[in-house]
């Protein structure tokens, strides 16, 4: 009891203290987080207060080991700030800011991230800077001051810059940015990568000693002009003498930076030095002679240098032949020979390809030589005998028949008016084979076939061309290649397949080929007469074989059986199955002529008894006897009548005896129906009066129009089955008072008070209310 009282007292006291907390208004945590009921003293070992979760200052490192009072000097805890400077004196005299965490951690005061700090400040410690003591840059480090020095090189190296004399950086006006010439990664001031791109130091200019070009300490005074270094070279050059030739002092006009000035590349584009000229390109005075004075006075036309060569040439004599003094017309720069005189006006090809000009140019004046053939070949023309050119009055223009091929052969007389092809081409060199002396001149030679080949025509016996009255135009049957094979136009009777016969006499049995008939029977009468399967004669077949056969062979035959198509079950290859006699024409197309036995022996159904038609196609197809498709449209087999077993309705073999009346099948259904009793009610035995072939239900008896409205009006929905009103099996009788709401006679009597003839009886109700209305 005492302990309970103590707890109540502590709780009460806590409530009072909470209202008067010494820790200020902001601290709202439960006192039990820090204190116990025994004492207000705080035991750091049992302290429940989580400084990391309940405040925005985590106790890490050395902060987690100190007494609370070292930071919280008063009981109002929120008075303590979370900035480092609020507890820690700035030892660096505001030189690096108030945020101790930039350099220090909560673990200790050591600085472990000096390289990172420098990178953040834009001055990474690389090269020589990595091994320096801090005091070498931060001179106030002994006082723990790290004043910002600036990231420019000159902030530390101004004295280095000023004291450098090789070269003198100040006089040369060098940049104060040391990195333009030196590398921050190096540990010495050795020349790094000075950007000398405005004057590339390559090849002959690749000089490591700056003083070779920069003669004074002021490097910026050095001119980039070639002549500033190479004036002496220019003045002393003799081959050629640059001064006398008035060459430019800009060395790069001809030279590169290659050492030793060679090779020189004087821009000689205005007169390219190619071929033999290239061989003397180093000997400038060979062309640039002293007599011309300066180099630019040297003539560039051929005759300027080669006039003596032109005048002294005798084969041919250039002067006498009035040749052009422009050597390039005939010669190249490579050599005087071979020369390429433009002889296109008279091409020197084949037989005219002559190295000795004097063979045609018989005088020194080459221009006098005529291009006419006869000027050289008159003797050849006069002496030609096969054929005799003079007698034949041929043209003296040799190119009419000949080419420049040597030996005048082959000759190519323009024989287009009578082309020499095939066998004619083989005698194209033997002109007299056709151009016989009897014709006189060549142009009297006949061009029609018979002009040369009449003897061939008359002497041919197989076939006899004369007797057959063949045309004397040989090209009708023969080609120019040979007499055989001949290609007579036999299109009037194509020789294909079985008719493809090389021996004409197989068909043409007489020498007069034109007498041969094209009728099939003229060759195949014996085949027709001796054929027994079928007997073509007895069957009265046509003697026109192509009515059934092709030239491919007698078989397969393709008799036109379209009047009785042979498809499916009729697709029979053995004619005798239907054509039982040799007279195929006697075969009837009636079904029963083949299928009478099938008709007579069929028992399901018995076709004879049923009086079915013997025309099988009325029910069957050529695909097979089944399925049969009897036309039952006079009694549609739909829904409940859709029966595949005929015997369900046709109970005898005489199918014609089956009645279409409903009662003939459904009398038992009619007699045994009790709801309603169709017999007692005197219903019609014509089922379709109320029912469909879909099923006995739903039935659709027309009660409203014939008797009394029960599917409309006030009685609609007031009954469930017929027996509600028809209380006996005699549906001709009915009851209103048993199933009606007027079953209370007293009430009904009261409603009809004053009505003449009123009787509380069903028939009386109907007489007054035949339509079911009040």
Foldseek 3Di string as FASTA:
>chain_A
DVVVVLVVVLVVVQVVCLVVPQQDDPDNDRLVQADDSVDSDGDPVPRNDQCVVPHVAHQDAVSVVDDPCLQVVGSNRVVGDRFPVSNDPPQQVCQPHRHQVVADDSNDNHGDPVQVSCVVVVAGQAALSVPDDLCLQQVCVVSVHRHDQDRAPCSNCVVVLCPDVLQNCVLLVHDSRLVCFAPSRHNDSPTDCHPPVVQDCDALSVDPRLCLQQVHSNNNPGDSAQCVNCVVVLCPDVLPNCVQLVHDSRLVCFADSHPPRPPTRHPPVVADQDAPSVVCVSNLCLQQPCVLRHSVSGDRAQCSNCVVVLCPDVLQNCVLLVHDSRLLCFDDSNDNPPTRHPPVVQDCDALSVDPRLCVQCVDSNSVPGDSAQCSNCVVVLCPDVLPNCVQLVHDSRLLCFADSHPPRPPTRHPPVVADQDAPSVVCVSNLCLQQPCVLRHSVSGDRAQCSNCVVVLCPDVLQNCVLLVHDSRLLCFPDSNDNPPTRHPPVVADCDALSVDPRLCLQQVDSNSVVGDNAQCSNCVVVLCPDVLQNCVLLVHDSRQVCFDDSNDSPPTRHPPVVQDCDALSVDPRLCLQCVDSRSNPGDSAQCSNCVVVQCPDVLQNCVLQVHDSRLVCFDDSNDSPPTRHPPVVQDCDALSVDPRLCLQCVHSNSNPGDSAQCSNCVVVQCPDVLPNCVLQVHDSRQVCFDDSNDSPPTRHPCPPPFEDCCDDPNDPLDDGLCLFVVDSHSVDGFDLRSHPNVPVVVVCVVCVPPPPDDPGRVSCCVVCVHPDD
